[in-house]
Protein backbone atom coordinates (compact mmCIF):
# COMPACT_ATOMS: atom_id res chain seq x y z
CA MET A 1 -0.31 -0.06 -0.21
CA PRO A 2 1.12 3.67 -0.75
CA LYS A 3 2.72 5.17 2.19
CA ASP A 4 0.56 8.06 2.33
CA SER A 5 -3.03 6.06 1.32
CA GLN A 6 -5.13 5.79 4.15
CA ASN A 7 -7.02 2.48 5.01
CA PRO A 8 -10.80 1.86 4.03
CA ILE A 9 -13.27 3.11 6.25
CA ARG A 10 -15.67 0.83 6.77
CA GLY A 11 -19.09 1.49 5.12
CA ARG A 12 -17.46 4.22 3.11
CA GLY A 13 -16.41 4.03 -0.49
CA ALA A 14 -14.16 6.57 -0.45
CA SER A 15 -11.00 6.15 2.29
CA ASP A 16 -10.02 9.38 1.16
CA ASN A 17 -11.29 13.68 1.20
CA PRO A 18 -8.95 14.82 -1.79
CA ALA A 19 -8.18 18.70 -2.85
CA ASN A 20 -11.24 20.19 -4.33
CA ARG A 21 -9.67 21.67 -7.94
CA PHE A 22 -11.55 24.82 -7.52
CA GLU A 23 -10.89 25.82 -4.15
CA ASN A 24 -6.93 27.25 -2.79
CA GLU A 25 -7.53 26.52 0.60
CA TYR A 26 -7.85 22.57 1.84
CA LEU A 27 -9.49 21.01 4.88
CA ASP A 28 -8.84 17.44 5.47
CA TYR A 29 -9.60 15.34 8.73
CA ASP A 30 -6.94 14.15 10.23
CA VAL A 31 -5.98 10.25 10.76
CA ASP A 32 -6.27 8.39 13.54
CA GLU A 33 -2.79 7.13 14.63
CA GLN A 34 -4.25 3.47 16.00
CA THR A 35 -6.46 2.29 12.94
CA GLY A 36 -4.39 4.10 10.33
CA GLN A 37 -8.39 5.32 9.19
CA LYS A 38 -9.68 9.42 8.78
CA PRO A 39 -12.79 8.82 10.76
CA ALA A 40 -16.27 7.61 9.76
CA GLN A 41 -18.03 10.77 8.79
CA LYS A 42 -21.71 11.08 9.75
CA THR A 43 -24.18 11.87 7.27
CA ARG A 44 -24.67 15.57 7.41
CA LEU A 45 -27.82 16.62 5.29
CA ILE A 46 -27.77 20.70 3.91
CA ARG A 47 -30.47 22.50 2.45
CA ASP A 48 -30.60 23.10 -0.74
CA ASP A 49 -32.57 26.11 -2.11
CA THR A 50 -32.02 25.56 -5.98
CA LYS A 51 -34.26 28.02 -7.58
CA GLU A 52 -34.60 25.55 -10.35
CA ILE A 53 -35.96 21.72 -9.72
CA LEU A 54 -35.39 20.76 -13.13
CA SER A 55 -32.06 20.55 -14.54
CA LYS A 56 -31.62 20.84 -18.62
CA ASN A 57 -29.63 18.53 -20.14
CA ASP A 58 -27.72 19.48 -23.93
CA SER A 59 -25.57 16.47 -23.95
CA PRO A 60 -26.30 14.58 -27.65
CA ASP A 61 -25.59 11.12 -26.10
CA ILE A 62 -27.89 11.38 -23.08
CA PRO A 63 -31.50 10.57 -24.30
CA PHE A 64 -33.60 12.94 -22.16
CA THR A 65 -33.75 16.76 -22.34
CA TYR A 66 -35.12 17.43 -18.08
CA GLY A 67 -33.84 15.53 -14.87
CA LEU A 68 -35.10 16.31 -11.34
CA ASN A 69 -32.31 15.53 -8.47
CA PRO A 70 -33.83 15.66 -5.44
CA TYR A 71 -30.19 15.18 -3.46
CA ARG A 72 -27.20 16.12 -4.61
CA GLY A 73 -24.43 14.05 -3.08
CA CYS A 74 -24.88 10.55 -2.74
CA GLU A 75 -25.01 8.31 0.92
CA HIS A 76 -24.56 4.92 -1.75
CA GLY A 77 -20.79 5.60 -1.98
CA CYS A 78 -20.22 3.93 -4.92
CA ILE A 79 -16.29 4.33 -5.69
CA TYR A 80 -16.73 4.54 -9.67
CA CYS A 81 -19.40 7.36 -9.00
CA TYR A 82 -18.94 9.84 -12.41
CA ALA A 83 -21.05 12.05 -10.44
CA ARG A 84 -18.48 12.78 -7.50
CA PRO A 85 -16.68 15.63 -9.40
CA THR A 86 -20.40 17.56 -9.28
CA HIS A 87 -19.58 17.84 -5.43
CA GLU A 88 -16.49 19.89 -6.16
CA TYR A 89 -18.91 22.81 -7.81
CA LEU A 90 -20.41 23.31 -4.11
CA GLY A 91 -16.99 23.79 -2.31
CA PHE A 92 -16.60 20.40 -1.34
CA SER A 93 -14.71 17.47 -2.15
CA ALA A 94 -15.22 14.77 -4.36
CA GLY A 95 -14.24 11.65 -1.69
CA LEU A 96 -15.73 11.76 1.70
CA ASP A 97 -17.09 15.01 1.41
CA PHE A 98 -19.71 13.31 -1.37
CA GLU A 99 -20.79 10.53 0.20
CA SER A 100 -21.14 12.52 3.86
CA ARG A 101 -22.31 15.88 2.64
CA ILE A 102 -25.78 15.56 1.11
CA MET A 103 -27.76 18.47 -0.07
CA VAL A 104 -30.82 18.34 0.21
CA LYS A 105 -33.96 19.87 -2.01
CA TYR A 106 -36.97 20.05 1.10
CA ASP A 107 -39.30 22.17 -1.08
CA ALA A 108 -38.49 19.83 -4.44
CA ALA A 109 -42.03 18.70 -4.52
CA GLU A 110 -43.64 21.91 -4.26
CA LYS A 111 -41.42 24.04 -6.99
CA LEU A 112 -42.36 21.09 -9.41
CA ARG A 113 -45.72 21.04 -9.01
CA ALA A 114 -45.27 24.92 -9.54
CA ARG A 115 -43.20 24.28 -12.90
CA PHE A 116 -45.68 21.84 -13.90
CA ALA A 117 -48.55 24.54 -13.34
CA SER A 118 -46.78 26.95 -15.39
CA LYS A 119 -48.35 27.48 -18.76
CA ASN A 120 -44.68 27.84 -20.38
CA TRP A 121 -43.99 23.75 -19.28
CA LYS A 122 -44.58 21.44 -22.15
CA PRO A 123 -45.01 17.91 -20.96
CA GLU A 124 -42.70 15.63 -21.60
CA PRO A 125 -40.43 12.81 -20.01
CA VAL A 126 -38.01 13.56 -16.90
CA ILE A 127 -35.82 11.41 -15.44
CA MET A 128 -35.38 11.09 -11.83
CA SER A 129 -32.52 11.43 -10.87
CA GLY A 130 -29.83 11.52 -13.80
CA VAL A 131 -26.95 12.23 -11.18
CA THR A 132 -27.51 10.87 -7.49
CA ASP A 133 -29.93 8.22 -6.52
CA PRO A 134 -33.18 9.50 -5.53
CA TYR A 135 -33.27 6.49 -3.50
CA GLN A 136 -30.39 6.89 -1.48
CA PRO A 137 -30.81 6.05 2.49
CA VAL A 138 -31.80 9.32 3.78
CA GLU A 139 -34.95 8.78 1.18
CA ARG A 140 -36.59 6.77 3.83
CA GLU A 141 -36.93 9.06 6.34
CA LEU A 142 -37.40 12.26 3.96
CA GLU A 143 -39.68 10.63 1.32
CA ILE A 144 -38.48 14.17 -0.83
CA THR A 145 -38.80 11.81 -4.11
CA ARG A 146 -41.85 10.01 -3.09
CA SER A 147 -43.42 13.50 -2.29
CA CYS A 148 -42.59 14.59 -6.21
CA LEU A 149 -44.20 11.34 -7.43
CA GLY A 150 -46.62 12.44 -6.17
CA VAL A 151 -47.04 15.48 -8.17
CA PHE A 152 -45.71 13.24 -11.25
CA ALA A 153 -48.67 10.84 -10.60
CA GLU A 154 -51.23 14.12 -9.90
CA ALA A 155 -50.24 15.44 -13.51
CA ARG A 156 -49.62 12.11 -15.24
CA ASN A 157 -46.61 13.99 -16.34
CA PRO A 158 -44.30 10.64 -17.49
CA VAL A 159 -41.43 9.84 -15.29
CA SER A 160 -38.50 7.31 -16.03
CA MET A 161 -36.69 6.86 -12.78
CA ILE A 162 -32.93 5.25 -12.28
CA THR A 163 -32.03 3.59 -8.64
CA LYS A 164 -29.80 1.01 -7.03
CA ASN A 165 -32.01 0.81 -3.84
CA TYR A 166 -34.72 -1.65 -3.04
CA LEU A 167 -36.59 1.70 -1.62
CA VAL A 168 -38.12 2.21 -4.91
CA THR A 169 -40.48 -0.28 -4.53
CA ARG A 170 -42.29 1.68 -1.70
CA ASP A 171 -43.86 3.34 -4.44
CA MET A 172 -45.10 1.04 -6.27
CA ASP A 173 -48.57 2.81 -5.16
CA LEU A 174 -47.87 6.01 -7.09
CA LEU A 175 -45.79 4.57 -10.20
CA GLY A 176 -48.58 2.17 -10.76
CA GLU A 177 -51.15 5.10 -10.79
CA LEU A 178 -48.76 6.56 -13.87
CA ALA A 179 -48.05 3.12 -15.31
CA GLU A 180 -51.44 3.15 -16.12
CA TYR A 181 -51.19 6.29 -18.17
CA ASN A 182 -48.32 4.70 -19.58
CA ALA A 183 -45.83 7.03 -18.08
CA ALA A 184 -43.49 5.73 -15.75
CA HIS A 185 -40.59 3.24 -16.56
CA VAL A 186 -37.84 2.13 -13.76
CA THR A 187 -34.35 1.03 -14.34
CA LEU A 188 -32.05 -1.08 -11.75
CA SER A 189 -28.86 -0.43 -11.96
CA VAL A 190 -26.96 -4.40 -10.73
CA THR A 191 -23.06 -3.86 -11.21
CA THR A 192 -22.11 -7.08 -9.89
CA LEU A 193 -24.02 -10.04 -8.34
CA ASP A 194 -21.08 -10.48 -5.75
CA ARG A 195 -22.30 -9.45 -2.31
CA GLU A 196 -18.87 -8.92 -1.27
CA LEU A 197 -17.73 -7.18 -3.57
CA ALA A 198 -21.04 -4.79 -3.63
CA ARG A 199 -20.17 -4.18 -0.22
CA VAL A 200 -16.98 -2.37 -0.27
CA MET A 201 -18.07 -1.10 -3.61
CA GLU A 202 -21.30 0.40 -3.59
CA PRO A 203 -21.22 0.01 0.81
CA ARG A 204 -24.80 1.49 1.19
CA THR A 205 -26.66 0.44 -1.72
CA SER A 206 -29.10 -2.65 -1.61
CA GLN A 207 -27.70 -5.92 -1.90
CA PRO A 208 -27.78 -7.21 -5.77
CA TYR A 209 -30.52 -9.98 -4.55
CA ARG A 210 -32.47 -7.37 -3.42
CA ARG A 211 -32.38 -5.40 -6.58
CA LEU A 212 -33.36 -7.87 -8.45
CA GLU A 213 -36.25 -8.63 -6.06
CA ALA A 214 -37.02 -4.85 -6.97
CA ILE A 215 -37.38 -5.92 -10.20
CA LYS A 216 -39.63 -8.83 -9.60
CA GLN A 217 -41.99 -6.50 -7.37
CA LEU A 218 -41.94 -3.94 -10.19
CA ALA A 219 -42.58 -6.17 -12.94
CA GLY A 220 -45.11 -8.01 -10.87
CA ALA A 221 -47.29 -4.82 -10.49
CA GLY A 222 -47.15 -3.89 -14.08
CA ILE A 223 -44.36 -1.08 -14.05
CA SER A 224 -42.16 -1.15 -17.21
CA VAL A 225 -39.20 -2.06 -15.58
CA GLY A 226 -35.39 -2.63 -16.86
CA VAL A 227 -31.89 -3.36 -15.71
CA ASN A 228 -28.64 -1.21 -16.35
CA VAL A 229 -25.57 -3.70 -16.31
CA ALA A 230 -23.70 -0.38 -15.17
CA PRO A 231 -21.30 0.27 -14.91
CA ILE A 232 -19.12 -2.31 -16.40
CA ILE A 233 -15.72 -2.66 -15.29
CA PRO A 234 -13.27 -4.37 -17.51
CA GLY A 235 -10.99 -6.92 -15.68
CA LEU A 236 -13.54 -6.90 -12.05
CA THR A 237 -17.23 -7.40 -13.24
CA ASP A 238 -17.11 -7.74 -16.91
CA HIS A 239 -17.28 -11.61 -16.32
CA GLU A 240 -20.70 -11.11 -15.06
CA CYS A 241 -22.34 -9.45 -17.65
CA ALA A 242 -24.22 -12.76 -18.74
CA ASP A 243 -25.34 -13.70 -15.59
CA ILE A 244 -26.76 -10.32 -14.79
CA LEU A 245 -28.54 -10.58 -17.66
CA LYS A 246 -30.23 -13.71 -17.24
CA ALA A 247 -30.81 -12.83 -13.54
CA ALA A 248 -32.71 -9.84 -14.12
CA LYS A 249 -34.96 -11.27 -17.07
CA GLU A 250 -36.07 -14.32 -14.79
CA ALA A 251 -37.03 -11.64 -12.14
CA GLY A 252 -39.26 -9.78 -14.83
CA ALA A 253 -36.89 -6.90 -16.77
CA SER A 254 -38.13 -6.22 -19.84
CA HIS A 255 -35.51 -3.90 -21.17
CA ALA A 256 -31.73 -4.31 -20.81
CA GLY A 257 -28.76 -1.28 -21.70
CA TYR A 258 -25.08 -1.29 -19.84
CA THR A 259 -22.45 1.41 -19.71
CA ILE A 260 -18.31 1.21 -19.40
CA VAL A 261 -16.71 2.85 -16.33
CA ARG A 262 -16.29 6.20 -16.44
CA LEU A 263 -13.20 8.05 -14.11
CA PRO A 264 -13.44 11.84 -14.62
CA HIS A 265 -11.29 13.91 -12.35
CA GLY A 266 -10.68 12.85 -8.98
CA VAL A 267 -12.62 10.04 -9.26
CA LYS A 268 -9.99 7.92 -10.95
CA ASP A 269 -7.18 8.91 -8.08
CA LEU A 270 -9.82 7.84 -5.63
CA PHE A 271 -10.78 4.33 -7.86
CA ARG A 272 -7.30 3.49 -7.76
CA GLU A 273 -6.79 3.83 -3.84
CA TRP A 274 -9.33 1.90 -3.57
CA LEU A 275 -8.30 -0.84 -5.73
CA GLU A 276 -4.73 -0.93 -3.92
CA HIS A 277 -6.75 -1.30 -1.14
CA HIS A 278 -9.06 -3.94 -1.91
CA PHE A 279 -7.83 -5.70 -4.71
CA PRO A 280 -4.19 -5.03 -5.47
CA ASP A 281 -3.40 -8.41 -7.38
CA ARG A 282 -5.86 -6.92 -10.30
CA LYS A 283 -4.80 -3.54 -9.60
CA GLU A 284 -2.81 -3.02 -13.16
CA LYS A 285 -4.84 -5.45 -14.76
CA VAL A 286 -8.21 -3.32 -14.30
CA LEU A 287 -6.32 -0.02 -14.84
CA ASN A 288 -4.23 -1.26 -18.13
CA ARG A 289 -8.08 -2.58 -19.57
CA ILE A 290 -9.92 0.93 -18.81
CA ARG A 291 -7.15 2.68 -20.51
CA ASN A 292 -7.40 0.04 -23.73
CA MET A 293 -11.01 1.02 -23.81
CA LYS A 294 -10.37 4.67 -23.56
CA GLY A 295 -7.76 5.71 -25.63
CA GLY A 296 -4.93 5.33 -23.47
CA LYS A 297 -6.78 7.31 -20.49
CA LEU A 298 -8.13 6.49 -17.70
CA ASN A 299 -11.34 8.72 -18.74
CA LYS A 300 -12.57 9.96 -22.25
CA SER A 301 -14.90 13.05 -21.82
CA GLU A 302 -16.13 13.17 -25.74
CA PHE A 303 -19.61 12.77 -26.41
CA GLY A 304 -20.21 9.32 -28.03
CA ASP A 305 -17.49 8.00 -26.56
CA ARG A 306 -17.57 8.50 -22.79
CA PHE A 307 -19.82 5.66 -22.17
CA LYS A 308 -19.11 2.91 -24.51
CA GLY A 309 -15.23 2.78 -24.80
CA GLU A 310 -13.41 2.07 -28.11
CA GLY A 311 -11.04 -0.69 -29.22
CA ALA A 312 -11.11 -4.53 -29.45
CA PHE A 313 -12.01 -5.65 -25.90
CA SER A 314 -15.10 -2.37 -26.19
CA ASP A 315 -16.57 -4.19 -28.96
CA GLN A 316 -16.14 -7.62 -27.54
CA ILE A 317 -18.34 -6.42 -24.43
CA LYS A 318 -20.39 -5.01 -27.00
CA GLU A 319 -21.14 -7.65 -29.41
CA MET A 320 -21.38 -10.21 -25.70
CA PHE A 321 -24.29 -7.92 -24.40
CA GLU A 322 -25.91 -8.08 -27.96
CA ILE A 323 -25.64 -11.56 -28.29
CA GLN A 324 -27.41 -12.37 -24.54
CA THR A 325 -29.77 -9.90 -24.66
CA LYS A 326 -31.49 -10.86 -27.86
CA LYS A 327 -30.83 -14.33 -26.36
CA LEU A 328 -32.95 -13.71 -24.12
CA GLY A 329 -35.77 -11.49 -25.66
CA PHE A 330 -34.78 -8.26 -24.10
CA ASN A 331 -35.61 -4.71 -25.61
CA ARG A 332 -38.16 -6.62 -28.03
CA GLU A 333 -40.96 -3.99 -27.21
CA TRP A 334 -40.95 -0.18 -26.37
CA ASN A 335 -43.62 1.65 -26.06
CA PRO A 336 -42.05 5.37 -25.25
CA LEU A 337 -43.30 7.16 -22.19
CA SER A 338 -46.45 9.05 -23.06
CA SER A 339 -47.41 12.90 -22.46
CA GLU A 340 -50.79 12.52 -23.44
CA TYR A 341 -52.64 12.37 -20.51
CA PHE A 342 -51.31 15.22 -18.52
CA ARG A 343 -53.23 17.52 -16.98
CA ARG A 344 -52.09 20.75 -15.16
CA PRO A 345 -51.99 20.47 -11.80
CA GLU A 346 -53.42 23.88 -9.58
CA GLN A 347 -50.65 26.59 -7.93
CA GLY A 348 -51.43 26.09 -3.78
CA GLN A 349 -53.10 22.93 -3.34
CA LEU A 350 -52.77 21.26 -0.32
CA HIS A 351 -51.97 17.63 -0.94
CA LEU A 352 -50.67 14.82 1.45
CA PHE A 353 -48.21 11.99 0.24
């Protein structure tokens, strides 16, 4: 282990709090001399009073225009998360801060209703959340995502959700109501079926079998549900793709997609250190495979290449994925989410969810 590397912190993905690339001053946590660890920071909730509740996307390789993120930062703590650097725009670190300093949009539902009530809103699908998970642990208590879903159901505005948390099943009543108007779709991300790997790589997410159970329950309730094998980490999880697809299909998923791991900015250093802690014997193999798929670098930010990679190994994954999804019967039908039944909510109405 490198001399300046910190020991893993149980329950957290990152073991360090690297400097913010935009800040001149840097506040770090002291290392405990006995454990060699930085302290396991308690999660702190910080009010986010953003004015615009819907963020607009103009990236040509992301298939949606509007996203809704009830939270910024994510307690799930997935070490590979491409969203980590977004916390630096808030003055925090992409490391421990990202998973322990959570920005919360307490009035998200109220602002969403106002947006849908505005005559300027032209109904179209919204992604929840596109950046951080709308069902991260704190949602169990705060129910902000659920309140927003209540507004979607009230307005019958289509919504597509992406999560790694079984907690999504709590809201099957609202998702089912939207599904009656073809206005709801849920995607469960499954990175690995290995419980121990998931425990250290995605420390506060639902275990893989729970995500598969969520797929089963959603499908059983008549809600459109799919699986995202994401991210695929070459040399670490790529050999599981076929098994993940088979398990998801057996659970009831009808659609499947995948992405290759992305390591923008400081994420690549956090990920490199994580490999050193947990898989030192595979570290160079994994990093070299990623470089082979990213033009010799650990990350490519160019549109069109950043999600899928390039080169022979990338082509192998693509071919395998296409063969398996066709064999299993994924992606045979897709009815685009419908805005046909949208109804504009009244501003100022009081609702209980």
